[in-house]
């Protein structure tokens, strides 16, 4: 049993997210038509392709990134192994579009979830606030870190406004910030990262 759990833990720590799906523009395609046939909203499609110029038509052969829709109501779970086994249950902090998947670049050990400016950010697990500040050095802008007391930490960055302070105790689902675009950011989103005993894990693979 212990060996099986250790294998699961190693798989979580080594997992990387596959590249986001793409679509190649065909003759007669428009953003509206692509969104409709793929059951997406125009806003979601535009958010995943921020370089698109709405005043210019699509080009045949042009590649578009297809968004992945997140649903925070579905909890994500992981078995985290130490001498005494720890189980962590996490839910995504906002409902939105994943515009940057886990490790899309070597330094991006988290996921970016785009949503409207000011969207409430809800804490993924109960715990204590160990960081709540504006971090200009890393480019995170307004950022919050929650420690669950069992080795798991979740970071929420680029917030418009933090609503909790260091030392506060929070419950799962509590609103801790408003989604923003502070720091090194190209648009409204939350940079959501999870570490377990200091090792980064994919929040969507737990």
N, C-alpha and C. Protein backbone atom coordinates (compact mmCIF):
# COMPACT_ATOMS: atom_id res chain seq x y z
N UNK A 1 0.84 -1.22 0.00
CA UNK A 1 0.00 0.00 0.00
C UNK A 1 0.86 1.25 0.00
N UNK A 2 1.91 1.24 0.88
CA UNK A 2 2.78 2.41 0.96
C UNK A 2 3.49 2.64 -0.36
N UNK A 3 3.97 1.53 -1.01
CA UNK A 3 4.66 1.67 -2.30
C UNK A 3 3.72 2.24 -3.35
N UNK A 4 2.45 1.80 -3.34
CA UNK A 4 1.47 2.30 -4.30
C UNK A 4 1.23 3.80 -4.13
N UNK A 5 1.11 4.24 -2.86
CA UNK A 5 0.89 5.66 -2.61
C UNK A 5 2.09 6.49 -3.00
N UNK A 6 3.30 5.96 -2.77
CA UNK A 6 4.50 6.69 -3.17
C UNK A 6 4.55 6.85 -4.68
N UNK A 7 4.11 5.83 -5.41
CA UNK A 7 4.07 5.92 -6.88
C UNK A 7 3.10 7.00 -7.32
N UNK A 8 1.93 7.07 -6.66
CA UNK A 8 0.96 8.12 -6.99
C UNK A 8 1.52 9.49 -6.72
N UNK A 9 2.20 9.66 -5.60
CA UNK A 9 2.78 10.96 -5.26
C UNK A 9 3.82 11.36 -6.28
N UNK A 10 4.68 10.42 -6.69
CA UNK A 10 5.71 10.73 -7.67
C UNK A 10 5.09 11.13 -8.99
N UNK A 11 4.00 10.47 -9.38
CA UNK A 11 3.34 10.81 -10.64
C UNK A 11 2.80 12.23 -10.60
N UNK A 12 2.25 12.64 -9.45
CA UNK A 12 1.73 14.01 -9.33
C UNK A 12 2.85 15.02 -9.45
N UNK A 13 3.99 14.74 -8.83
CA UNK A 13 5.09 15.71 -8.83
C UNK A 13 5.74 15.82 -10.19
N UNK A 14 5.72 14.74 -10.99
CA UNK A 14 6.39 14.76 -12.28
C UNK A 14 5.47 15.11 -13.43
N UNK A 15 4.15 15.14 -13.17
CA UNK A 15 3.20 15.37 -14.27
C UNK A 15 3.35 16.76 -14.84
N UNK A 16 3.24 16.86 -16.16
CA UNK A 16 3.19 18.15 -16.83
C UNK A 16 1.97 18.17 -17.71
N UNK A 17 1.46 19.34 -17.97
CA UNK A 17 0.24 19.51 -18.74
C UNK A 17 0.56 19.51 -20.23
N UNK A 18 -0.23 18.78 -21.01
CA UNK A 18 -0.03 18.77 -22.46
C UNK A 18 -0.33 20.14 -23.04
N UNK A 19 0.22 20.41 -24.22
CA UNK A 19 0.01 21.70 -24.87
C UNK A 19 -1.47 21.93 -25.12
N UNK A 20 -1.89 23.16 -25.03
CA UNK A 20 -3.29 23.50 -25.25
C UNK A 20 -3.71 23.14 -26.67
N UNK A 21 -4.98 22.73 -26.87
CA UNK A 21 -5.49 22.37 -28.18
C UNK A 21 -5.52 23.59 -29.09
N UNK A 22 -5.31 23.33 -30.39
CA UNK A 22 -5.35 24.42 -31.37
C UNK A 22 -6.32 24.07 -32.48
N UNK A 23 -6.75 25.10 -33.21
CA UNK A 23 -7.64 24.92 -34.36
C UNK A 23 -7.06 25.70 -35.53
N UNK A 24 -7.04 25.08 -36.71
CA UNK A 24 -6.54 25.74 -37.92
C UNK A 24 -7.70 26.34 -38.69
N UNK A 25 -7.63 27.63 -38.95
CA UNK A 25 -8.71 28.35 -39.63
C UNK A 25 -8.91 27.83 -41.04
N UNK A 26 -10.18 27.57 -41.40
CA UNK A 26 -10.56 27.10 -42.73
C UNK A 26 -11.25 28.22 -43.51
N UNK A 27 -11.43 28.00 -44.80
CA UNK A 27 -12.12 28.99 -45.64
C UNK A 27 -13.53 29.23 -45.10
N UNK A 28 -13.91 30.50 -44.98
CA UNK A 28 -15.24 30.86 -44.51
C UNK A 28 -15.38 30.95 -43.01
N UNK A 29 -14.33 30.62 -42.28
CA UNK A 29 -14.40 30.67 -40.82
C UNK A 29 -14.44 32.11 -40.30
N UNK A 30 -15.21 32.31 -39.25
CA UNK A 30 -15.19 33.55 -38.47
C UNK A 30 -15.08 33.14 -37.00
N UNK A 31 -14.71 34.08 -36.15
CA UNK A 31 -14.63 33.76 -34.72
C UNK A 31 -15.97 33.27 -34.19
N UNK A 32 -17.05 33.95 -34.63
CA UNK A 32 -18.39 33.57 -34.16
C UNK A 32 -18.73 32.14 -34.57
N UNK A 33 -18.40 31.81 -35.82
CA UNK A 33 -18.72 30.46 -36.31
C UNK A 33 -17.90 29.41 -35.57
N UNK A 34 -16.61 29.68 -35.36
CA UNK A 34 -15.76 28.72 -34.65
C UNK A 34 -16.25 28.53 -33.21
N UNK A 35 -16.57 29.65 -32.55
CA UNK A 35 -17.06 29.57 -31.17
C UNK A 35 -18.35 28.76 -31.09
N UNK A 36 -19.26 28.99 -32.06
CA UNK A 36 -20.55 28.30 -32.06
C UNK A 36 -20.38 26.80 -32.29
N UNK A 37 -19.56 26.42 -33.29
CA UNK A 37 -19.41 25.00 -33.61
C UNK A 37 -18.66 24.23 -32.52
N UNK A 38 -17.87 24.94 -31.74
CA UNK A 38 -17.10 24.27 -30.68
C UNK A 38 -17.70 24.51 -29.29
N UNK A 39 -18.92 25.09 -29.29
CA UNK A 39 -19.66 25.32 -28.04
C UNK A 39 -18.87 26.16 -27.04
N UNK A 40 -18.29 27.26 -27.56
CA UNK A 40 -17.53 28.19 -26.74
C UNK A 40 -18.16 29.57 -26.81
N UNK A 41 -17.84 30.42 -25.85
CA UNK A 41 -18.27 31.81 -25.94
C UNK A 41 -17.21 32.61 -26.69
N UNK A 42 -17.65 33.69 -27.34
CA UNK A 42 -16.70 34.55 -28.05
C UNK A 42 -15.66 35.12 -27.08
N UNK A 43 -16.11 35.50 -25.89
CA UNK A 43 -15.19 36.08 -24.90
C UNK A 43 -14.10 35.08 -24.52
N UNK A 44 -14.48 33.80 -24.36
CA UNK A 44 -13.49 32.78 -24.01
C UNK A 44 -12.47 32.59 -25.13
N UNK A 45 -12.96 32.58 -26.37
CA UNK A 45 -12.07 32.39 -27.52
C UNK A 45 -11.12 33.57 -27.66
N UNK A 46 -11.64 34.78 -27.45
CA UNK A 46 -10.78 35.97 -27.55
C UNK A 46 -9.76 36.01 -26.42
N UNK A 47 -10.18 35.59 -25.21
CA UNK A 47 -9.26 35.61 -24.07
C UNK A 47 -8.09 34.66 -24.27
N UNK A 48 -8.33 33.55 -24.98
CA UNK A 48 -7.27 32.58 -25.22
C UNK A 48 -6.37 33.00 -26.38
N UNK A 49 -6.83 33.96 -27.17
CA UNK A 49 -6.05 34.44 -28.31
C UNK A 49 -5.95 35.97 -28.25
N UNK A 50 -5.24 36.51 -27.24
CA UNK A 50 -5.21 37.96 -27.02
C UNK A 50 -4.56 38.74 -28.15
N UNK A 51 -3.77 38.07 -29.02
CA UNK A 51 -3.09 38.79 -30.09
C UNK A 51 -4.00 39.06 -31.29
N UNK A 52 -5.20 38.47 -31.29
CA UNK A 52 -6.11 38.67 -32.42
C UNK A 52 -6.55 40.12 -32.52
N UNK A 53 -6.59 40.63 -33.74
CA UNK A 53 -7.10 41.99 -34.00
C UNK A 53 -8.53 41.86 -34.49
N UNK A 54 -9.52 42.30 -33.70
CA UNK A 54 -10.93 42.12 -34.07
C UNK A 54 -11.32 42.84 -35.36
N UNK A 55 -10.51 43.81 -35.79
CA UNK A 55 -10.84 44.55 -37.01
C UNK A 55 -10.33 43.86 -38.27
N UNK A 56 -9.55 42.78 -38.10
CA UNK A 56 -8.99 42.07 -39.26
C UNK A 56 -9.64 40.69 -39.38
N UNK A 57 -9.89 40.23 -40.63
CA UNK A 57 -10.47 38.89 -40.82
C UNK A 57 -9.45 37.81 -40.49
N UNK A 58 -9.97 36.62 -40.17
CA UNK A 58 -9.08 35.49 -39.93
C UNK A 58 -8.42 35.06 -41.24
N UNK A 59 -7.21 34.51 -41.14
CA UNK A 59 -6.49 34.03 -42.32
C UNK A 59 -6.60 32.51 -42.39
N UNK A 60 -6.80 31.99 -43.61
CA UNK A 60 -6.82 30.55 -43.80
C UNK A 60 -5.46 29.99 -43.37
N UNK A 61 -5.48 28.95 -42.56
CA UNK A 61 -4.24 28.36 -42.05
C UNK A 61 -3.79 28.93 -40.72
N UNK A 62 -4.43 30.02 -40.28
CA UNK A 62 -4.08 30.63 -39.00
C UNK A 62 -4.44 29.67 -37.86
N UNK A 63 -3.58 29.58 -36.86
CA UNK A 63 -3.84 28.67 -35.73
C UNK A 63 -4.41 29.45 -34.54
N UNK A 64 -5.47 28.94 -33.99
CA UNK A 64 -6.10 29.54 -32.81
C UNK A 64 -5.99 28.57 -31.64
N UNK A 65 -5.74 29.11 -30.46
CA UNK A 65 -5.73 28.29 -29.25
C UNK A 65 -7.17 28.10 -28.77
N UNK A 66 -7.51 26.87 -28.43
CA UNK A 66 -8.85 26.56 -27.94
C UNK A 66 -8.83 26.53 -26.41
N UNK A 67 -9.72 27.28 -25.76
CA UNK A 67 -9.71 27.35 -24.30
C UNK A 67 -10.19 26.07 -23.64
N UNK A 68 -9.73 25.87 -22.42
CA UNK A 68 -10.21 24.79 -21.57
C UNK A 68 -11.06 25.41 -20.47
N UNK A 69 -12.28 24.97 -20.33
CA UNK A 69 -13.19 25.54 -19.34
C UNK A 69 -13.01 24.83 -18.00
N UNK A 70 -12.84 25.59 -16.94
CA UNK A 70 -12.71 25.02 -15.61
C UNK A 70 -14.03 25.10 -14.86
N UNK A 71 -14.26 24.15 -14.00
CA UNK A 71 -15.49 24.13 -13.20
C UNK A 71 -15.11 23.92 -11.74
N UNK A 72 -15.08 25.01 -10.96
CA UNK A 72 -14.61 24.90 -9.58
C UNK A 72 -15.48 24.07 -8.68
N UNK A 73 -16.73 23.77 -9.12
CA UNK A 73 -17.62 23.00 -8.27
C UNK A 73 -17.12 21.56 -8.12
N UNK A 74 -16.24 21.12 -9.05
CA UNK A 74 -15.74 19.75 -8.98
C UNK A 74 -14.43 19.72 -8.22
N UNK A 75 -14.39 19.16 -7.02
CA UNK A 75 -13.15 19.18 -6.23
C UNK A 75 -12.08 18.28 -6.83
N UNK A 76 -10.83 18.69 -6.66
CA UNK A 76 -9.68 17.91 -7.09
C UNK A 76 -9.01 17.35 -5.85
N UNK A 77 -8.60 16.08 -5.92
CA UNK A 77 -8.03 15.45 -4.74
C UNK A 77 -6.68 14.84 -5.05
N UNK A 78 -5.85 14.74 -4.02
CA UNK A 78 -4.54 14.11 -4.18
C UNK A 78 -4.13 13.43 -2.89
N UNK A 79 -3.48 12.30 -3.02
CA UNK A 79 -2.89 11.65 -1.86
C UNK A 79 -1.44 12.11 -1.77
N UNK A 80 -1.09 12.81 -0.70
CA UNK A 80 0.25 13.33 -0.50
C UNK A 80 0.93 12.48 0.57
N UNK A 81 2.09 11.95 0.24
CA UNK A 81 2.70 10.95 1.10
C UNK A 81 3.83 11.51 1.94
N UNK A 82 3.74 11.24 3.22
CA UNK A 82 4.82 11.44 4.20
C UNK A 82 4.77 10.19 5.08
N UNK A 83 5.61 10.08 6.10
CA UNK A 83 5.50 8.90 6.97
C UNK A 83 4.07 8.66 7.41
N UNK A 84 3.33 9.75 7.70
CA UNK A 84 1.89 9.64 7.92
C UNK A 84 1.22 10.23 6.69
N UNK A 85 0.33 9.46 6.04
CA UNK A 85 -0.28 9.89 4.78
C UNK A 85 -1.18 11.09 5.01
N UNK A 86 -1.10 12.08 4.09
CA UNK A 86 -1.92 13.29 4.15
C UNK A 86 -2.79 13.32 2.91
N UNK A 87 -4.06 13.69 3.05
CA UNK A 87 -4.95 13.79 1.90
C UNK A 87 -5.40 15.24 1.78
N UNK A 88 -5.25 15.80 0.56
CA UNK A 88 -5.58 17.20 0.33
C UNK A 88 -6.69 17.29 -0.70
N UNK A 89 -7.73 18.05 -0.40
CA UNK A 89 -8.83 18.27 -1.34
C UNK A 89 -8.82 19.73 -1.77
N UNK A 90 -8.68 19.97 -3.09
CA UNK A 90 -8.58 21.33 -3.60
C UNK A 90 -9.66 21.59 -4.63
N UNK A 91 -10.17 22.82 -4.66
CA UNK A 91 -11.10 23.26 -5.70
C UNK A 91 -10.49 24.48 -6.37
N UNK A 92 -10.69 24.63 -7.68
CA UNK A 92 -10.13 25.78 -8.39
C UNK A 92 -10.76 27.07 -7.87
N UNK A 93 -9.99 28.15 -7.83
CA UNK A 93 -10.44 29.38 -7.15
C UNK A 93 -11.47 30.20 -7.90
N UNK A 94 -11.52 30.09 -9.23
CA UNK A 94 -12.51 30.82 -10.02
C UNK A 94 -12.98 29.95 -11.18
N UNK A 95 -14.14 30.28 -11.72
CA UNK A 95 -14.60 29.66 -12.96
C UNK A 95 -14.17 30.56 -14.10
N UNK A 96 -13.45 30.02 -15.05
CA UNK A 96 -12.94 30.83 -16.15
C UNK A 96 -12.27 30.00 -17.20
N UNK A 97 -11.33 30.61 -17.91
CA UNK A 97 -10.64 29.96 -19.03
C UNK A 97 -9.17 29.79 -18.67
N UNK A 98 -8.65 28.58 -18.79
CA UNK A 98 -7.23 28.36 -18.55
C UNK A 98 -6.47 28.82 -19.78
N UNK A 99 -5.81 29.97 -19.65
CA UNK A 99 -5.09 30.54 -20.79
C UNK A 99 -3.63 30.11 -20.81
N UNK A 100 -3.09 29.71 -19.67
CA UNK A 100 -1.73 29.17 -19.61
C UNK A 100 -1.76 27.91 -18.77
N UNK A 101 -1.49 26.74 -19.38
CA UNK A 101 -1.52 25.49 -18.62
C UNK A 101 -0.28 25.32 -17.76
N UNK A 102 -0.30 24.27 -16.96
CA UNK A 102 0.80 23.97 -16.04
C UNK A 102 2.10 23.74 -16.81
N UNK A 103 3.16 24.48 -16.40
CA UNK A 103 4.48 24.39 -17.03
C UNK A 103 4.41 24.61 -18.54
N UNK A 104 3.56 25.55 -18.99
CA UNK A 104 3.54 25.92 -20.41
C UNK A 104 4.90 26.51 -20.80
N UNK A 105 5.56 27.14 -19.84
CA UNK A 105 6.95 27.58 -19.99
C UNK A 105 7.72 27.02 -18.80
N UNK A 106 9.05 26.90 -18.91
CA UNK A 106 9.82 26.25 -17.84
C UNK A 106 9.64 26.86 -16.46
N UNK A 107 9.37 28.17 -16.41
CA UNK A 107 9.27 28.83 -15.11
C UNK A 107 7.84 28.93 -14.59
N UNK A 108 6.85 28.45 -15.37
CA UNK A 108 5.45 28.64 -14.97
C UNK A 108 4.91 27.39 -14.28
N UNK A 109 5.16 27.29 -12.98
CA UNK A 109 4.76 26.11 -12.20
C UNK A 109 3.36 26.28 -11.64
N UNK A 110 2.42 26.64 -12.49
CA UNK A 110 1.04 26.84 -12.08
C UNK A 110 0.15 26.96 -13.29
N UNK A 111 -1.08 27.43 -13.09
CA UNK A 111 -1.99 27.65 -14.21
C UNK A 111 -2.54 29.07 -14.12
N UNK A 112 -2.81 29.67 -15.28
CA UNK A 112 -3.46 30.98 -15.35
C UNK A 112 -4.92 30.78 -15.72
N UNK A 113 -5.82 31.34 -14.92
CA UNK A 113 -7.25 31.24 -15.19
C UNK A 113 -7.78 32.65 -15.44
N UNK A 114 -8.22 32.92 -16.68
CA UNK A 114 -8.74 34.23 -17.04
C UNK A 114 -10.23 34.33 -16.69
N UNK A 115 -10.62 35.47 -16.18
CA UNK A 115 -12.02 35.75 -15.82
C UNK A 115 -12.17 37.27 -15.77
N UNK A 116 -13.41 37.77 -15.70
CA UNK A 116 -13.60 39.22 -15.67
C UNK A 116 -12.92 39.88 -14.47
N UNK A 117 -12.46 41.11 -14.69
CA UNK A 117 -11.83 41.90 -13.64
C UNK A 117 -12.77 42.01 -12.43
N UNK A 118 -12.25 41.76 -11.25
CA UNK A 118 -13.05 41.87 -10.04
C UNK A 118 -13.76 40.60 -9.62
N UNK A 119 -13.64 39.53 -10.42
CA UNK A 119 -14.26 38.25 -10.05
C UNK A 119 -13.77 37.80 -8.67
N UNK A 120 -14.66 37.35 -7.79
CA UNK A 120 -14.21 36.87 -6.47
C UNK A 120 -13.29 35.66 -6.61
N UNK A 121 -12.17 35.68 -5.90
CA UNK A 121 -11.26 34.54 -5.83
C UNK A 121 -11.53 33.82 -4.52
N UNK A 122 -11.88 32.54 -4.62
CA UNK A 122 -12.23 31.76 -3.43
C UNK A 122 -11.08 30.81 -3.08
N UNK A 123 -10.77 30.73 -1.81
CA UNK A 123 -9.65 29.91 -1.36
C UNK A 123 -9.95 28.43 -1.62
N UNK A 124 -8.93 27.70 -2.08
CA UNK A 124 -9.13 26.31 -2.47
C UNK A 124 -9.13 25.35 -1.28
N UNK A 125 -8.50 25.78 -0.17
CA UNK A 125 -8.49 24.92 1.01
C UNK A 125 -8.40 25.78 2.26
N UNK A 126 -8.94 25.25 3.34
CA UNK A 126 -8.87 25.99 4.61
C UNK A 126 -7.43 26.07 5.08
N UNK A 127 -7.12 27.13 5.80
CA UNK A 127 -5.76 27.26 6.32
C UNK A 127 -5.50 28.64 6.89
N UNK A 128 -4.23 29.00 6.93
CA UNK A 128 -3.81 30.28 7.50
C UNK A 128 -3.06 31.09 6.45
N UNK A 129 -3.32 32.40 6.42
CA UNK A 129 -2.64 33.29 5.48
C UNK A 129 -1.20 33.51 5.95
N UNK A 130 -0.23 33.10 5.13
CA UNK A 130 1.18 33.29 5.49
C UNK A 130 1.84 34.37 4.64
N UNK A 131 1.13 34.84 3.61
CA UNK A 131 1.65 35.93 2.77
C UNK A 131 0.47 36.67 2.15
N UNK A 132 0.51 37.99 2.23
CA UNK A 132 -0.50 38.84 1.59
C UNK A 132 0.14 40.20 1.37
N UNK A 133 0.60 40.43 0.13
CA UNK A 133 1.38 41.64 -0.14
C UNK A 133 1.47 41.90 -1.63
N UNK A 134 2.04 43.05 -1.98
CA UNK A 134 2.35 43.36 -3.37
C UNK A 134 3.80 42.95 -3.62
N UNK A 135 4.00 42.03 -4.56
CA UNK A 135 5.34 41.51 -4.85
C UNK A 135 5.79 42.00 -6.23
N UNK A 136 6.56 43.09 -6.24
CA UNK A 136 7.04 43.65 -7.50
C UNK A 136 8.25 42.89 -8.02
N UNK A 137 9.02 42.28 -7.12
CA UNK A 137 10.26 41.61 -7.54
C UNK A 137 9.98 40.43 -8.45
N UNK A 138 9.01 39.62 -8.11
CA UNK A 138 8.70 38.43 -8.91
C UNK A 138 7.73 38.73 -10.04
N UNK A 139 7.05 39.90 -9.98
CA UNK A 139 6.04 40.22 -10.99
C UNK A 139 4.66 39.69 -10.67
N UNK A 140 4.48 39.13 -9.45
CA UNK A 140 3.18 38.57 -9.08
C UNK A 140 2.15 39.65 -8.73
N UNK A 141 2.57 40.87 -8.51
CA UNK A 141 1.63 41.90 -8.09
C UNK A 141 1.06 41.55 -6.72
N UNK A 142 -0.23 41.85 -6.53
CA UNK A 142 -0.87 41.48 -5.26
C UNK A 142 -1.02 39.97 -5.21
N UNK A 143 -0.44 39.36 -4.19
CA UNK A 143 -0.39 37.90 -4.10
C UNK A 143 -0.74 37.44 -2.69
N UNK A 144 -1.30 36.24 -2.59
CA UNK A 144 -1.69 35.65 -1.30
C UNK A 144 -1.21 34.20 -1.29
N UNK A 145 -0.69 33.75 -0.14
CA UNK A 145 -0.33 32.35 0.05
C UNK A 145 -1.07 31.82 1.26
N UNK A 146 -1.74 30.67 1.09
CA UNK A 146 -2.46 30.01 2.17
C UNK A 146 -1.77 28.68 2.49
N UNK A 147 -1.48 28.45 3.76
CA UNK A 147 -0.87 27.20 4.23
C UNK A 147 -1.93 26.39 4.96
N UNK A 148 -2.13 25.13 4.53
CA UNK A 148 -3.19 24.33 5.16
C UNK A 148 -2.74 23.65 6.45
N UNK A 149 -1.45 23.82 6.82
CA UNK A 149 -0.95 23.22 8.05
C UNK A 149 -0.49 21.79 7.92
N UNK A 150 -0.66 21.20 6.73
CA UNK A 150 -0.26 19.81 6.50
C UNK A 150 0.74 19.68 5.35
N UNK A 151 1.40 20.78 4.99
CA UNK A 151 2.41 20.71 3.94
C UNK A 151 2.00 21.27 2.61
N UNK A 152 0.71 21.57 2.43
CA UNK A 152 0.23 22.10 1.15
C UNK A 152 0.07 23.62 1.24
N UNK A 153 0.56 24.31 0.21
CA UNK A 153 0.40 25.76 0.11
C UNK A 153 -0.17 26.12 -1.25
N UNK A 154 -1.08 27.09 -1.27
CA UNK A 154 -1.66 27.58 -2.53
C UNK A 154 -1.39 29.07 -2.66
N UNK A 155 -0.93 29.49 -3.85
CA UNK A 155 -0.64 30.90 -4.10
C UNK A 155 -1.61 31.43 -5.17
N UNK A 156 -2.12 32.65 -4.92
CA UNK A 156 -3.05 33.33 -5.82
C UNK A 156 -2.44 34.69 -6.15
N UNK A 157 -2.15 34.96 -7.43
CA UNK A 157 -1.40 36.17 -7.77
C UNK A 157 -2.08 37.01 -8.85
N UNK A 158 -1.58 38.25 -9.00
CA UNK A 158 -2.08 39.28 -9.93
C UNK A 158 -3.44 39.81 -9.50
N UNK A 159 -3.74 39.73 -8.19
CA UNK A 159 -5.04 40.15 -7.68
C UNK A 159 -5.24 41.66 -7.83
N UNK A 160 -6.49 42.04 -7.98
CA UNK A 160 -6.84 43.47 -7.99
C UNK A 160 -6.79 44.02 -6.56
N UNK A 161 -7.26 43.20 -5.61
CA UNK A 161 -7.30 43.63 -4.21
C UNK A 161 -7.28 42.40 -3.31
N UNK A 162 -6.39 42.39 -2.32
CA UNK A 162 -6.38 41.33 -1.31
C UNK A 162 -7.35 41.68 -0.19
N UNK A 163 -8.09 40.68 0.28
CA UNK A 163 -9.09 40.91 1.32
C UNK A 163 -8.71 40.28 2.65
N UNK A 164 -7.55 39.61 2.72
CA UNK A 164 -7.11 38.98 3.96
C UNK A 164 -5.69 39.43 4.29
N UNK A 165 -5.32 39.27 5.56
CA UNK A 165 -4.00 39.68 6.02
C UNK A 165 -3.25 38.48 6.58
N UNK A 166 -1.93 38.62 6.69
CA UNK A 166 -1.10 37.55 7.28
C UNK A 166 -1.60 37.23 8.69
N UNK A 167 -1.76 35.95 8.96
CA UNK A 167 -2.24 35.51 10.26
C UNK A 167 -3.72 35.17 10.27
N UNK A 168 -4.48 35.65 9.27
CA UNK A 168 -5.91 35.33 9.21
C UNK A 168 -6.11 33.84 8.96
N UNK A 169 -7.15 33.29 9.57
CA UNK A 169 -7.57 31.92 9.29
C UNK A 169 -8.72 31.97 8.29
N UNK A 170 -8.65 31.14 7.25
CA UNK A 170 -9.68 31.16 6.21
C UNK A 170 -10.28 29.77 6.07
N UNK A 171 -11.52 29.74 5.61
CA UNK A 171 -12.21 28.47 5.38
C UNK A 171 -12.28 28.22 3.87
N UNK A 172 -12.41 26.97 3.48
CA UNK A 172 -12.50 26.62 2.07
C UNK A 172 -13.70 27.32 1.43
N UNK A 173 -13.47 27.95 0.28
CA UNK A 173 -14.54 28.65 -0.43
C UNK A 173 -14.69 30.10 -0.06
N UNK A 174 -13.96 30.56 0.97
CA UNK A 174 -14.05 31.97 1.38
C UNK A 174 -13.42 32.87 0.32
N UNK A 175 -14.04 34.04 0.07
CA UNK A 175 -13.48 35.01 -0.87
C UNK A 175 -12.29 35.69 -0.20
N UNK A 176 -11.11 35.60 -0.83
CA UNK A 176 -9.90 36.17 -0.24
C UNK A 176 -9.34 37.34 -1.05
N UNK A 177 -9.84 37.51 -2.29
CA UNK A 177 -9.31 38.58 -3.15
C UNK A 177 -10.26 38.80 -4.31
N UNK A 178 -10.01 39.90 -5.04
CA UNK A 178 -10.70 40.15 -6.30
C UNK A 178 -9.71 39.96 -7.44
N UNK A 179 -10.14 39.27 -8.48
CA UNK A 179 -9.26 38.97 -9.61
C UNK A 179 -8.83 40.26 -10.31
N UNK A 180 -7.54 40.33 -10.68
CA UNK A 180 -7.03 41.55 -11.29
C UNK A 180 -5.99 41.29 -12.35
N UNK A 181 -5.13 42.28 -12.55
CA UNK A 181 -4.08 42.20 -13.58
C UNK A 181 -2.85 42.97 -13.10
N UNK A 182 -2.53 42.86 -11.81
CA UNK A 182 -1.40 43.60 -11.25
C UNK A 182 -0.10 42.83 -11.47
N UNK A 183 1.01 43.55 -11.37
CA UNK A 183 2.30 42.91 -11.58
C UNK A 183 2.56 42.66 -13.05
N UNK A 184 3.32 41.61 -13.35
CA UNK A 184 3.66 41.25 -14.73
C UNK A 184 2.51 40.45 -15.32
N UNK A 185 1.53 41.15 -15.89
CA UNK A 185 0.30 40.51 -16.35
C UNK A 185 -0.14 41.11 -17.67
N UNK A 186 -0.72 40.27 -18.54
CA UNK A 186 -1.19 40.73 -19.85
C UNK A 186 -2.71 40.91 -19.89
N UNK A 187 -3.39 40.62 -18.80
CA UNK A 187 -4.84 40.77 -18.76
C UNK A 187 -5.38 40.17 -17.48
N UNK A 188 -6.66 40.40 -17.17
CA UNK A 188 -7.24 39.90 -15.92
C UNK A 188 -7.18 38.38 -15.81
N UNK A 189 -6.55 37.88 -14.78
CA UNK A 189 -6.48 36.45 -14.52
C UNK A 189 -5.91 36.22 -13.12
N UNK A 190 -6.03 34.98 -12.67
CA UNK A 190 -5.36 34.58 -11.43
C UNK A 190 -4.30 33.54 -11.78
N UNK A 191 -3.08 33.76 -11.31
CA UNK A 191 -2.00 32.78 -11.42
C UNK A 191 -2.11 31.90 -10.18
N UNK A 192 -2.50 30.65 -10.38
CA UNK A 192 -2.81 29.74 -9.27
C UNK A 192 -1.74 28.64 -9.21
N UNK A 193 -1.05 28.56 -8.09
CA UNK A 193 0.04 27.60 -7.92
C UNK A 193 -0.13 26.83 -6.61
N UNK A 194 0.24 25.56 -6.65
CA UNK A 194 0.15 24.71 -5.46
C UNK A 194 1.49 24.01 -5.26
N UNK A 195 1.98 24.03 -4.03
CA UNK A 195 3.17 23.25 -3.67
C UNK A 195 2.82 22.33 -2.51
N UNK A 196 3.46 21.17 -2.49
CA UNK A 196 3.27 20.23 -1.39
C UNK A 196 4.64 19.86 -0.86
N UNK A 197 4.88 20.24 0.39
CA UNK A 197 6.20 20.09 1.01
C UNK A 197 7.27 20.73 0.14
N UNK A 198 6.93 21.88 -0.46
CA UNK A 198 7.89 22.66 -1.23
C UNK A 198 8.02 22.28 -2.69
N UNK A 199 7.37 21.20 -3.13
CA UNK A 199 7.44 20.76 -4.53
C UNK A 199 6.19 21.18 -5.28
N UNK A 200 6.38 21.79 -6.47
CA UNK A 200 5.25 22.24 -7.27
C UNK A 200 4.49 21.04 -7.82
N UNK A 201 3.16 21.14 -7.81
CA UNK A 201 2.30 20.11 -8.40
C UNK A 201 1.28 20.78 -9.30
N UNK A 202 0.77 20.03 -10.26
CA UNK A 202 -0.24 20.54 -11.18
C UNK A 202 -1.59 20.58 -10.47
N UNK A 203 -2.19 21.76 -10.27
CA UNK A 203 -3.48 21.82 -9.56
C UNK A 203 -4.58 21.00 -10.24
N UNK A 204 -4.48 20.82 -11.56
CA UNK A 204 -5.53 20.09 -12.28
C UNK A 204 -5.28 18.58 -12.31
N UNK A 205 -4.10 18.14 -11.89
CA UNK A 205 -3.78 16.71 -11.94
C UNK A 205 -3.88 16.04 -10.58
N UNK A 206 -4.23 16.81 -9.56
CA UNK A 206 -4.29 16.25 -8.21
C UNK A 206 -5.46 15.28 -8.08
